[in-house]
Amino acid sequence: LLDLWAKDGPDGGNWDRTIDAMITSHPGTFRDYWLTA
């Protein structure tokens, strides 16, 4: 997660969309987060 959110990471240097994904999708596992959310 930290590497994904990093300044030079693929998530644009922030966690905003991950937070939204966690709230809206409620993944139960990292696999669910990765493959669906």
Full PDB file with SEQRES, HELIX, SHEET, SSBOND, CRYST1, ORIGX, SCALE, CONECT and MASTER records, all heavy atoms in Angstrom:
SEQRES   1 A   37  LEU LEU ASP LEU TRP ALA LYS ASP GLY PRO ASP GLY GLY          
SEQRES   2 A   37  ASN TRP ASP ARG THR ILE ASP ALA MET ILE THR SER HIS          
SEQRES   3 A   37  PRO GLY THR PHE ARG ASP TYR TRP LEU THR ALA                  
HELIX    1 AA1 LEU A    2  TRP A    5  1                                   4    
HELIX    2 AA2 ASP A   16  SER A   25  1                                  10    
HELIX    3 AA3 PHE A   30  LEU A   35  1                                   6    
CRYST1    1.000    1.000    1.000  90.00  90.00  90.00 P 1           1          
ORIGX1      1.000000  0.000000  0.000000        0.00000                         
ORIGX2      0.000000  1.000000  0.000000        0.00000                         
ORIGX3      0.000000  0.000000  1.000000        0.00000                         
SCALE1      1.000000  0.000000  0.000000        0.00000                         
SCALE2      0.000000  1.000000  0.000000        0.00000                         
SCALE3      0.000000  0.000000  1.000000        0.00000                         
ATOM      1  N   LEU A   1       0.831  -1.212   0.000  1.00  0.00           N  
ATOM      2  CA  LEU A   1       0.000   0.000   0.000  1.00  0.00           C  
ATOM      3  C   LEU A   1       0.860   1.256   0.000  1.00  0.00           C  
ATOM      4  O   LEU A   1       0.606   2.191  -0.760  1.00  0.00           O  
ATOM      5  CB  LEU A   1      -0.955  -0.001   1.194  1.00  0.00           C  
ATOM      6  CG  LEU A   1      -2.101  -1.017   1.112  1.00  0.00           C  
ATOM      7  CD1 LEU A   1      -2.825  -1.112   2.457  1.00  0.00           C  
ATOM      8  CD2 LEU A   1      -3.072  -0.668  -0.012  1.00  0.00           C  
ATOM      9  N   LEU A   2       1.880   1.279   0.829  1.00  0.00           N  
ATOM     10  CA  LEU A   2       2.754   2.459   0.876  1.00  0.00           C  
ATOM     11  C   LEU A   2       3.441   2.706  -0.461  1.00  0.00           C  
ATOM     12  O   LEU A   2       3.562   3.853  -0.897  1.00  0.00           O  
ATOM     13  CB  LEU A   2       3.787   2.310   1.995  1.00  0.00           C  
ATOM     14  CG  LEU A   2       3.240   2.387   3.415  1.00  0.00           C  
ATOM     15  CD1 LEU A   2       4.322   2.039   4.428  1.00  0.00           C  
ATOM     16  CD2 LEU A   2       2.643   3.756   3.702  1.00  0.00           C  
ATOM     17  N   ASP A   3       3.870   1.643  -1.119  1.00  0.00           N  
ATOM     18  CA  ASP A   3       4.517   1.799  -2.424  1.00  0.00           C  
ATOM     19  C   ASP A   3       3.522   2.259  -3.490  1.00  0.00           C  
ATOM     20  O   ASP A   3       3.861   3.053  -4.359  1.00  0.00           O  
ATOM     21  CB  ASP A   3       5.184   0.502  -2.855  1.00  0.00           C  
ATOM     22  CG  ASP A   3       6.422   0.171  -2.038  1.00  0.00           C  
ATOM     23  OD1 ASP A   3       6.895   1.035  -1.284  1.00  0.00           O  
ATOM     24  OD2 ASP A   3       6.903  -0.968  -2.157  1.00  0.00           O  
ATOM     25  N   LEU A   4       2.302   1.761  -3.421  1.00  0.00           N  
ATOM     26  CA  LEU A   4       1.281   2.192  -4.370  1.00  0.00           C  
ATOM     27  C   LEU A   4       0.966   3.678  -4.196  1.00  0.00           C  
ATOM     28  O   LEU A   4       0.749   4.399  -5.165  1.00  0.00           O  
ATOM     29  CB  LEU A   4       0.004   1.356  -4.203  1.00  0.00           C  
ATOM     30  CG  LEU A   4       0.118  -0.113  -4.610  1.00  0.00           C  
ATOM     31  CD1 LEU A   4      -1.064  -0.906  -4.090  1.00  0.00           C  
ATOM     32  CD2 LEU A   4       0.239  -0.248  -6.123  1.00  0.00           C  
ATOM     33  N   TRP A   5       0.946   4.151  -2.956  1.00  0.00           N  
ATOM     34  CA  TRP A   5       0.617   5.546  -2.646  1.00  0.00           C  
ATOM     35  C   TRP A   5       1.817   6.489  -2.752  1.00  0.00           C  
ATOM     36  O   TRP A   5       1.654   7.699  -2.649  1.00  0.00           O  
ATOM     37  CB  TRP A   5       0.070   5.659  -1.232  1.00  0.00           C  
ATOM     38  CG  TRP A   5      -1.162   4.882  -0.944  1.00  0.00           C  
ATOM     39  CD1 TRP A   5      -2.101   4.431  -1.831  1.00  0.00           C  
ATOM     40  CD2 TRP A   5      -1.598   4.440   0.338  1.00  0.00           C  
ATOM     41  NE1 TRP A   5      -3.089   3.746  -1.172  1.00  0.00           N  
ATOM     42  CE2 TRP A   5      -2.807   3.732   0.165  1.00  0.00           C  
ATOM     43  CE3 TRP A   5      -1.093   4.571   1.635  1.00  0.00           C  
ATOM     44  CZ2 TRP A   5      -3.515   3.178   1.222  1.00  0.00           C  
ATOM     45  CZ3 TRP A   5      -1.796   4.013   2.680  1.00  0.00           C  
ATOM     46  CH2 TRP A   5      -2.996   3.325   2.482  1.00  0.00           C  
ATOM     47  N   ALA A   6       3.004   5.968  -2.929  1.00  0.00           N  
ATOM     48  CA  ALA A   6       4.225   6.784  -2.925  1.00  0.00           C  
ATOM     49  C   ALA A   6       4.167   7.884  -3.986  1.00  0.00           C  
ATOM     50  O   ALA A   6       3.457   7.773  -4.990  1.00  0.00           O  
ATOM     51  CB  ALA A   6       5.445   5.901  -3.155  1.00  0.00           C  
ATOM     52  N   LYS A   7       4.957   8.915  -3.747  1.00  0.00           N  
ATOM     53  CA  LYS A   7       5.011  10.067  -4.650  1.00  0.00           C  
ATOM     54  C   LYS A   7       5.241   9.644  -6.105  1.00  0.00           C  
ATOM     55  O   LYS A   7       4.640  10.182  -7.027  1.00  0.00           O  
ATOM     56  CB  LYS A   7       6.108  11.022  -4.182  1.00  0.00           C  
ATOM     57  CG  LYS A   7       6.150  12.324  -4.888  1.00  0.00           C  
ATOM     58  CD  LYS A   7       7.188  13.235  -4.264  1.00  0.00           C  
ATOM     59  CE  LYS A   7       7.147  14.609  -4.892  1.00  0.00           C  
ATOM     60  NZ  LYS A   7       8.091  15.525  -4.256  1.00  0.00           N  
ATOM     61  N   ASP A   8       6.117   8.666  -6.297  1.00  0.00           N  
ATOM     62  CA  ASP A   8       6.405   8.183  -7.644  1.00  0.00           C  
ATOM     63  C   ASP A   8       5.643   6.900  -7.975  1.00  0.00           C  
ATOM     64  O   ASP A   8       5.951   6.211  -8.933  1.00  0.00           O  
ATOM     65  CB  ASP A   8       7.905   7.975  -7.822  1.00  0.00           C  
ATOM     66  CG  ASP A   8       8.487   6.963  -6.838  1.00  0.00           C  
ATOM     67  OD1 ASP A   8       7.787   6.561  -5.878  1.00  0.00           O  
ATOM     68  OD2 ASP A   8       9.641   6.566  -7.017  1.00  0.00           O  
ATOM     69  N   GLY A   9       4.643   6.584  -7.173  1.00  0.00           N  
ATOM     70  CA  GLY A   9       3.872   5.362  -7.360  1.00  0.00           C  
ATOM     71  C   GLY A   9       2.729   5.509  -8.353  1.00  0.00           C  
ATOM     72  O   GLY A   9       2.400   6.616  -8.791  1.00  0.00           O  
ATOM     73  N   PRO A  10       2.104   4.402  -8.698  1.00  0.00           N  
ATOM     74  CA  PRO A  10       1.060   4.409  -9.717  1.00  0.00           C  
ATOM     75  C   PRO A  10      -0.250   5.074  -9.294  1.00  0.00           C  
ATOM     76  O   PRO A  10      -1.096   5.358 -10.132  1.00  0.00           O  
ATOM     77  CB  PRO A  10       0.846   2.921 -10.010  1.00  0.00           C  
ATOM     78  CG  PRO A  10       1.235   2.238  -8.750  1.00  0.00           C  
ATOM     79  CD  PRO A  10       2.370   3.057  -8.192  1.00  0.00           C  
ATOM     80  N   ASP A  11      -0.409   5.338  -8.005  1.00  0.00           N  
ATOM     81  CA  ASP A  11      -1.649   5.959  -7.527  1.00  0.00           C  
ATOM     82  C   ASP A  11      -1.561   7.476  -7.454  1.00  0.00           C  
ATOM     83  O   ASP A  11      -2.410   8.135  -6.851  1.00  0.00           O  
ATOM     84  CB  ASP A  11      -2.051   5.390  -6.165  1.00  0.00           C  
ATOM     85  CG  ASP A  11      -2.462   3.928  -6.244  1.00  0.00           C  
ATOM     86  OD1 ASP A  11      -2.370   3.334  -7.339  1.00  0.00           O  
ATOM     87  OD2 ASP A  11      -2.875   3.376  -5.212  1.00  0.00           O  
ATOM     88  N   GLY A  12      -0.522   8.021  -8.082  1.00  0.00           N  
ATOM     89  CA  GLY A  12      -0.414   9.467  -8.186  1.00  0.00           C  
ATOM     90  C   GLY A  12       0.039  10.175  -6.925  1.00  0.00           C  
ATOM     91  O   GLY A  12      -0.204  11.367  -6.758  1.00  0.00           O  
ATOM     92  N   GLY A  13       0.691   9.455  -6.023  1.00  0.00           N  
ATOM     93  CA  GLY A  13       1.222  10.087  -4.822  1.00  0.00           C  
ATOM     94  C   GLY A  13       0.193  10.342  -3.747  1.00  0.00           C  
ATOM     95  O   GLY A  13       0.452  11.095  -2.806  1.00  0.00           O  
ATOM     96  N   ASN A  14      -0.966   9.693  -3.847  1.00  0.00           N  
ATOM     97  CA  ASN A  14      -1.947   9.851  -2.771  1.00  0.00           C  
ATOM     98  C   ASN A  14      -2.803   8.604  -2.626  1.00  0.00           C  
ATOM     99  O   ASN A  14      -2.777   7.718  -3.457  1.00  0.00           O  
ATOM    100  CB  ASN A  14      -2.809  11.102  -2.981  1.00  0.00           C  
ATOM    101  CG  ASN A  14      -3.731  10.998  -4.162  1.00  0.00           C  
ATOM    102  OD1 ASN A  14      -4.626  10.171  -4.188  1.00  0.00           O  
ATOM    103  ND2 ASN A  14      -3.511  11.833  -5.162  1.00  0.00           N  
ATOM    104  N   TRP A  15      -3.567   8.616  -1.593  1.00  0.00           N  
ATOM    105  CA  TRP A  15      -4.380   7.452  -1.239  1.00  0.00           C  
ATOM    106  C   TRP A  15      -5.870   7.688  -1.465  1.00  0.00           C  
ATOM    107  O   TRP A  15      -6.703   6.853  -1.110  1.00  0.00           O  
ATOM    108  CB  TRP A  15      -4.133   7.071   0.199  1.00  0.00           C  
ATOM    109  CG  TRP A  15      -4.480   8.165   1.195  1.00  0.00           C  
ATOM    110  CD1 TRP A  15      -5.188   9.324   0.957  1.00  0.00           C  
ATOM    111  CD2 TRP A  15      -4.145   8.200   2.560  1.00  0.00           C  
ATOM    112  NE1 TRP A  15      -5.290  10.063   2.100  1.00  0.00           N  
ATOM    113  CE2 TRP A  15      -4.652   9.399   3.118  1.00  0.00           C  
ATOM    114  CE3 TRP A  15      -3.459   7.350   3.394  1.00  0.00           C  
ATOM    115  CZ2 TRP A  15      -4.502   9.748   4.447  1.00  0.00           C  
ATOM    116  CZ3 TRP A  15      -3.306   7.705   4.723  1.00  0.00           C  
ATOM    117  CH2 TRP A  15      -3.819   8.884   5.243  1.00  0.00           C  
ATOM    118  N   ASP A  16      -6.242   8.808  -2.039  1.00  0.00           N  
ATOM    119  CA  ASP A  16      -7.652   9.198  -2.134  1.00  0.00           C  
ATOM    120  C   ASP A  16      -8.545   8.126  -2.751  1.00  0.00           C  
ATOM    121  O   ASP A  16      -9.588   7.782  -2.195  1.00  0.00           O  
ATOM    122  CB  ASP A  16      -7.802  10.496  -2.934  1.00  0.00           C  
ATOM    123  CG  ASP A  16      -7.157  11.685  -2.247  1.00  0.00           C  
ATOM    124  OD1 ASP A  16      -6.833  11.593  -1.041  1.00  0.00           O  
ATOM    125  OD2 ASP A  16      -6.968  12.720  -2.920  1.00  0.00           O  
ATOM    126  N   ARG A  17      -8.128   7.583  -3.887  1.00  0.00           N  
ATOM    127  CA  ARG A  17      -8.986   6.585  -4.541  1.00  0.00           C  
ATOM    128  C   ARG A  17      -9.002   5.265  -3.778  1.00  0.00           C  
ATOM    129  O   ARG A  17     -10.004   4.547  -3.810  1.00  0.00           O  
ATOM    130  CB  ARG A  17      -8.572   6.403  -5.995  1.00  0.00           C  
ATOM    131  CG  ARG A  17      -8.943   7.660  -6.819  1.00  0.00           C  
ATOM    132  CD  ARG A  17      -8.712   7.494  -8.290  1.00  0.00           C  
ATOM    133  NE  ARG A  17      -7.269   7.436  -8.542  1.00  0.00           N  
ATOM    134  CZ  ARG A  17      -6.724   7.067  -9.682  1.00  0.00           C  
ATOM    135  NH1 ARG A  17      -7.478   6.704 -10.695  1.00  0.00           N  
ATOM    136  NH2 ARG A  17      -5.415   7.054  -9.828  1.00  0.00           N  
ATOM    137  N   THR A  18      -7.920   4.961  -3.061  1.00  0.00           N  
ATOM    138  CA  THR A  18      -7.933   3.751  -2.225  1.00  0.00           C  
ATOM    139  C   THR A  18      -8.921   3.930  -1.081  1.00  0.00           C  
ATOM    140  O   THR A  18      -9.686   3.005  -0.770  1.00  0.00           O  
ATOM    141  CB  THR A  18      -6.533   3.437  -1.660  1.00  0.00           C  
ATOM    142  OG1 THR A  18      -5.672   3.098  -2.739  1.00  0.00           O  
ATOM    143  CG2 THR A  18      -6.576   2.277  -0.672  1.00  0.00           C  
ATOM    144  N   ILE A  19      -8.922   5.094  -0.458  1.00  0.00           N  
ATOM    145  CA  ILE A  19      -9.876   5.348   0.629  1.00  0.00           C  
ATOM    146  C   ILE A  19     -11.300   5.199   0.095  1.00  0.00           C  
ATOM    147  O   ILE A  19     -12.147   4.524   0.713  1.00  0.00           O  
ATOM    148  CB  ILE A  19      -9.661   6.760   1.241  1.00  0.00           C  
ATOM    149  CG1 ILE A  19      -8.255   6.906   1.820  1.00  0.00           C  
ATOM    150  CG2 ILE A  19     -10.730   7.063   2.275  1.00  0.00           C  
ATOM    151  CD1 ILE A  19      -7.918   6.018   2.978  1.00  0.00           C  
ATOM    152  N   ASP A  20     -11.578   5.800  -1.050  1.00  0.00           N  
ATOM    153  CA  ASP A  20     -12.907   5.666  -1.661  1.00  0.00           C  
ATOM    154  C   ASP A  20     -13.234   4.204  -1.938  1.00  0.00           C  
ATOM    155  O   ASP A  20     -14.355   3.754  -1.684  1.00  0.00           O  
ATOM    156  CB  ASP A  20     -12.987   6.465  -2.965  1.00  0.00           C  
ATOM    157  CG  ASP A  20     -13.002   7.966  -2.744  1.00  0.00           C  
ATOM    158  OD1 ASP A  20     -13.294   8.410  -1.611  1.00  0.00           O  
ATOM    159  OD2 ASP A  20     -12.715   8.695  -3.712  1.00  0.00           O  
ATOM    160  N   ALA A  21     -12.262   3.459  -2.460  1.00  0.00           N  
ATOM    161  CA  ALA A  21     -12.483   2.049  -2.770  1.00  0.00           C  
ATOM    162  C   ALA A  21     -12.780   1.237  -1.514  1.00  0.00           C  
ATOM    163  O   ALA A  21     -13.646   0.364  -1.527  1.00  0.00           O  
ATOM    164  CB  ALA A  21     -11.274   1.468  -3.497  1.00  0.00           C  
ATOM    165  N   MET A  22     -12.082   1.532  -0.442  1.00  0.00           N  
ATOM    166  CA  MET A  22     -12.315   0.806   0.814  1.00  0.00           C  
ATOM    167  C   MET A  22     -13.712   1.104   1.358  1.00  0.00           C  
ATOM    168  O   MET A  22     -14.396   0.208   1.852  1.00  0.00           O  
ATOM    169  CB  MET A  22     -11.250   1.169   1.849  1.00  0.00           C  
ATOM    170  CG  MET A  22      -9.834   0.800   1.437  1.00  0.00           C  
ATOM    171  SD  MET A  22      -9.589  -0.945   1.165  1.00  0.00           S  
ATOM    172  CE  MET A  22      -9.204  -1.461   2.812  1.00  0.00           C  
ATOM    173  N   ILE A  23     -14.138   2.348   1.230  1.00  0.00           N  
ATOM    174  CA  ILE A  23     -15.457   2.750   1.750  1.00  0.00           C  
ATOM    175  C   ILE A  23     -16.582   2.174   0.897  1.00  0.00           C  
ATOM    176  O   ILE A  23     -17.575   1.678   1.429  1.00  0.00           O  
ATOM    177  CB  ILE A  23     -15.555   4.288   1.820  1.00  0.00           C  
ATOM    178  CG1 ILE A  23     -14.624   4.819   2.904  1.00  0.00           C  
ATOM    179  CG2 ILE A  23     -16.994   4.733   2.084  1.00  0.00           C  
ATOM    180  CD1 ILE A  23     -14.428   6.324   2.879  1.00  0.00           C  
ATOM    181  N   THR A  24     -16.433   2.247  -0.411  1.00  0.00           N  
ATOM    182  CA  THR A  24     -17.535   1.819  -1.279  1.00  0.00           C  
ATOM    183  C   THR A  24     -17.577   0.317  -1.530  1.00  0.00           C  
ATOM    184  O   THR A  24     -18.654  -0.247  -1.659  1.00  0.00           O  
ATOM    185  CB  THR A  24     -17.491   2.555  -2.634  1.00  0.00           C  
ATOM    186  OG1 THR A  24     -16.254   2.298  -3.282  1.00  0.00           O  
ATOM    187  CG2 THR A  24     -17.668   4.051  -2.452  1.00  0.00           C  
ATOM    188  N   SER A  25     -16.423  -0.329  -1.593  1.00  0.00           N  
ATOM    189  CA  SER A  25     -16.397  -1.751  -1.935  1.00  0.00           C  
ATOM    190  C   SER A  25     -16.275  -2.694  -0.745  1.00  0.00           C  
ATOM    191  O   SER A  25     -16.585  -3.872  -0.864  1.00  0.00           O  
ATOM    192  CB  SER A  25     -15.241  -2.031  -2.909  1.00  0.00           C  
ATOM    193  OG  SER A  25     -15.458  -1.354  -4.117  1.00  0.00           O  
ATOM    194  N   HIS A  26     -15.765  -2.209   0.363  1.00  0.00           N  
ATOM    195  CA  HIS A  26     -15.580  -3.037   1.574  1.00  0.00           C  
ATOM    196  C   HIS A  26     -14.874  -4.362   1.293  1.00  0.00           C  
ATOM    197  O   HIS A  26     -15.395  -5.430   1.613  1.00  0.00           O  
ATOM    198  CB  HIS A  26     -16.924  -3.320   2.254  1.00  0.00           C  
ATOM    199  CG  HIS A  26     -17.721  -2.120   2.566  1.00  0.00           C  
ATOM    200  ND1 HIS A  26     -17.388  -1.253   3.573  1.00  0.00           N  
ATOM    201  CD2 HIS A  26     -18.831  -1.603   1.984  1.00  0.00           C  
ATOM    202  CE1 HIS A  26     -18.259  -0.272   3.615  1.00  0.00           C  
ATOM    203  NE2 HIS A  26     -19.143  -0.445   2.657  1.00  0.00           N  
ATOM    204  N   PRO A  27     -13.688  -4.324   0.674  1.00  0.00           N  
ATOM    205  CA  PRO A  27     -13.006  -5.590   0.389  1.00  0.00           C  
ATOM    206  C   PRO A  27     -12.637  -6.313   1.685  1.00  0.00           C  
ATOM    207  O   PRO A  27     -12.238  -5.696   2.658  1.00  0.00           O  
ATOM    208  CB  PRO A  27     -11.753  -5.145  -0.371  1.00  0.00           C  
ATOM    209  CG  PRO A  27     -11.512  -3.740   0.070  1.00  0.00           C  
ATOM    210  CD  PRO A  27     -12.870  -3.160   0.334  1.00  0.00           C  
ATOM    211  N   GLY A  28     -12.793  -7.625   1.665  1.00  0.00           N  
ATOM    212  CA  GLY A  28     -12.482  -8.408   2.854  1.00  0.00           C  
ATOM    213  C   GLY A  28     -11.026  -8.816   2.959  1.00  0.00           C  
ATOM    214  O   GLY A  28     -10.535  -9.129   4.033  1.00  0.00           O  
ATOM    215  N   THR A  29     -10.343  -8.813   1.814  1.00  0.00           N  
ATOM    216  CA  THR A  29      -8.945  -9.224   1.759  1.00  0.00           C  
ATOM    217  C   THR A  29      -8.202  -8.313   0.772  1.00  0.00           C  
ATOM    218  O   THR A  29      -8.836  -7.612  -0.027  1.00  0.00           O  
ATOM    219  CB  THR A  29      -8.804 -10.678   1.274  1.00  0.00           C  
ATOM    220  OG1 THR A  29      -9.288 -10.753  -0.076  1.00  0.00           O  
ATOM    221  CG2 THR A  29      -9.566 -11.650   2.169  1.00  0.00           C  
ATOM    222  N   PHE A  30      -6.883  -8.369   0.813  1.00  0.00           N  
ATOM    223  CA  PHE A  30      -6.109  -7.609  -0.169  1.00  0.00           C  
ATOM    224  C   PHE A  30      -6.426  -8.116  -1.569  1.00  0.00           C  
ATOM    225  O   PHE A  30      -6.500  -7.332  -2.506  1.00  0.00           O  
ATOM    226  CB  PHE A  30      -4.612  -7.704   0.127  1.00  0.00           C  
ATOM    227  CG  PHE A  30      -3.786  -6.752  -0.704  1.00  0.00           C  
ATOM    228  CD1 PHE A  30      -3.630  -5.432  -0.319  1.00  0.00           C  
ATOM    229  CD2 PHE A  30      -3.177  -7.183  -1.874  1.00  0.00           C  
ATOM    230  CE1 PHE A  30      -2.884  -4.540  -1.096  1.00  0.00           C  
ATOM    231  CE2 PHE A  30      -2.424  -6.305  -2.658  1.00  0.00           C  
ATOM    232  CZ  PHE A  30      -2.285  -4.975  -2.261  1.00  0.00           C  
ATOM    233  N   ARG A  31      -6.625  -9.402  -1.702  1.00  0.00           N  
ATOM    234  CA  ARG A  31      -6.992  -9.976  -3.012  1.00  0.00           C  
ATOM    235  C   ARG A  31      -8.270  -9.322  -3.533  1.00  0.00           C  
ATOM    236  O   ARG A  31      -8.357  -8.941  -4.701  1.00  0.00           O  
ATOM    237  CB  ARG A  31      -7.161 -11.488  -2.897  1.00  0.00           C  
ATOM    238  CG  ARG A  31      -7.537 -12.153  -4.198  1.00  0.00           C  
ATOM    239  CD  ARG A  31      -7.764 -13.667  -3.978  1.00  0.00           C  
ATOM    240  NE  ARG A  31      -7.809 -14.350  -5.235  1.00  0.00           N  
ATOM    241  CZ  ARG A  31      -6.775 -14.844  -5.889  1.00  0.00           C  
ATOM    242  NH1 ARG A  31      -5.572 -14.746  -5.386  1.00  0.00           N  
ATOM    243  NH2 ARG A  31      -6.920 -15.443  -7.044  1.00  0.00           N  
ATOM    244  N   ASP A  32      -9.301  -9.191  -2.669  1.00  0.00           N  
ATOM    245  CA  ASP A  32     -10.547  -8.526  -3.067  1.00  0.00           C  
ATOM    246  C   ASP A  32     -10.285  -7.073  -3.453  1.00  0.00           C  
ATOM    247  O   ASP A  32     -10.850  -6.572  -4.421  1.00  0.00           O  
ATOM    248  CB  ASP A  32     -11.574  -8.549  -1.933  1.00  0.00           C  
ATOM    249  CG  ASP A  32     -12.071  -9.924  -1.584  1.00  0.00           C  
ATOM    250  OD1 ASP A  32     -11.942 -10.852  -2.406  1.00  0.00           O  
ATOM    251  OD2 ASP A  32     -12.595 -10.076  -0.459  1.00  0.00           O  
ATOM    252  N   TYR A  33      -9.449  -6.411  -2.658  1.00  0.00           N  
ATOM    253  CA  TYR A  33      -9.095  -5.023  -2.966  1.00  0.00           C  
ATOM    254  C   TYR A  33      -8.434  -4.954  -4.332  1.00  0.00           C  
ATOM    255  O   TYR A  33      -8.793  -4.122  -5.165  1.00  0.00           O  
ATOM    256  CB  TYR A  33      -8.165  -4.468  -1.880  1.00  0.00           C  
ATOM    257  CG  TYR A  33      -7.455  -3.199  -2.274  1.00  0.00           C  
ATOM    258  CD1 TYR A  33      -8.147  -2.004  -2.385  1.00  0.00           C  
ATOM    259  CD2 TYR A  33      -6.097  -3.205  -2.563  1.00  0.00           C  
ATOM    260  CE1 TYR A  33      -7.491  -0.842  -2.770  1.00  0.00           C  
ATOM    261  CE2 TYR A  33      -5.435  -2.056  -2.944  1.00  0.00           C  
ATOM    262  CZ  TYR A  33      -6.135  -0.871  -3.047  1.00  0.00           C  
ATOM    263  OH  TYR A  33      -5.485   0.272  -3.443  1.00  0.00           O  
ATOM    264  N   TRP A  34      -7.483  -5.835  -4.576  1.00  0.00           N  
ATOM    265  CA  TRP A  34      -6.694  -5.794  -5.805  1.00  0.00           C  
ATOM    266  C   TRP A  34      -7.520  -6.151  -7.036  1.00  0.00           C  
ATOM    267  O   TRP A  34      -7.460  -5.465  -8.064  1.00  0.00           O  
ATOM    268  CB  TRP A  34      -5.493  -6.735  -5.694  1.00  0.00           C  
ATOM    269  CG  TRP A  34      -4.577  -6.602  -6.856  1.00  0.00           C  
ATOM    270  CD1 TRP A  34      -4.505  -7.424  -7.946  1.00  0.00           C  
ATOM    271  CD2 TRP A  34      -3.633  -5.568  -7.069  1.00  0.00           C  
ATOM    272  NE1 TRP A  34      -3.555  -6.959  -8.828  1.00  0.00           N  
ATOM    273  CE2 TRP A  34      -3.007  -5.811  -8.301  1.00  0.00           C  
ATOM    274  CE3 TRP A  34      -3.243  -4.458  -6.334  1.00  0.00           C  
ATOM    275  CZ2 TRP A  34      -2.024  -5.000  -8.818  1.00  0.00           C  
ATOM    276  CZ3 TRP A  34      -2.256  -3.649  -6.843  1.00  0.00           C  
ATOM    277  CH2 TRP A  34      -1.661  -3.917  -8.078  1.00  0.00           C  
ATOM    278  N   LEU A  35      -8.278  -7.229  -6.951  1.00  0.00           N  
ATOM    279  CA  LEU A  35      -8.982  -7.746  -8.127  1.00  0.00           C  
ATOM    280  C   LEU A  35     -10.322  -7.061  -8.395  1.00  0.00           C  
ATOM    281  O   LEU A  35     -10.797  -7.058  -9.529  1.00  0.00           O  
ATOM    282  CB  LEU A  35      -9.197  -9.256  -7.983  1.00  0.00           C  
ATOM    283  CG  LEU A  35      -7.919 -10.100  -7.937  1.00  0.00           C  
ATOM    284  CD1 LEU A  35      -8.252 -11.556  -7.692  1.00  0.00           C  
ATOM    285  CD2 LEU A  35      -7.104  -9.927  -9.209  1.00  0.00           C  
ATOM    286  N   THR A  36     -10.927  -6.468  -7.369  1.00  0.00           N  
ATOM    287  CA  THR A  36     -12.254  -5.882  -7.540  1.00  0.00           C  
ATOM    288  C   THR A  36     -12.287  -4.387  -7.236  1.00  0.00           C  
ATOM    289  O   THR A  36     -12.677  -3.581  -8.075  1.00  0.00           O  
ATOM    290  CB  THR A  36     -13.280  -6.615  -6.639  1.00  0.00           C  
ATOM    291  OG1 THR A  36     -13.246  -8.012  -6.945  1.00  0.00           O  
ATOM    292  CG2 THR A  36     -14.675  -6.089  -6.869  1.00  0.00           C  
ATOM    293  N   ALA A  37     -11.876  -4.003  -6.023  1.00  0.00           N  
ATOM    294  CA  ALA A  37     -12.015  -2.610  -5.591  1.00  0.00           C  
ATOM    295  C   ALA A  37     -11.107  -1.656  -6.367  1.00  0.00           C  
ATOM    296  O   ALA A  37     -11.544  -0.572  -6.755  1.00  0.00           O  
ATOM    297  CB  ALA A  37     -11.758  -2.493  -4.088  1.00  0.00           C  
TER     298      ALA A  37                                                      
MASTER        0    0    0    3    0    0    0    6  297    1    0    3          
END                                                                             
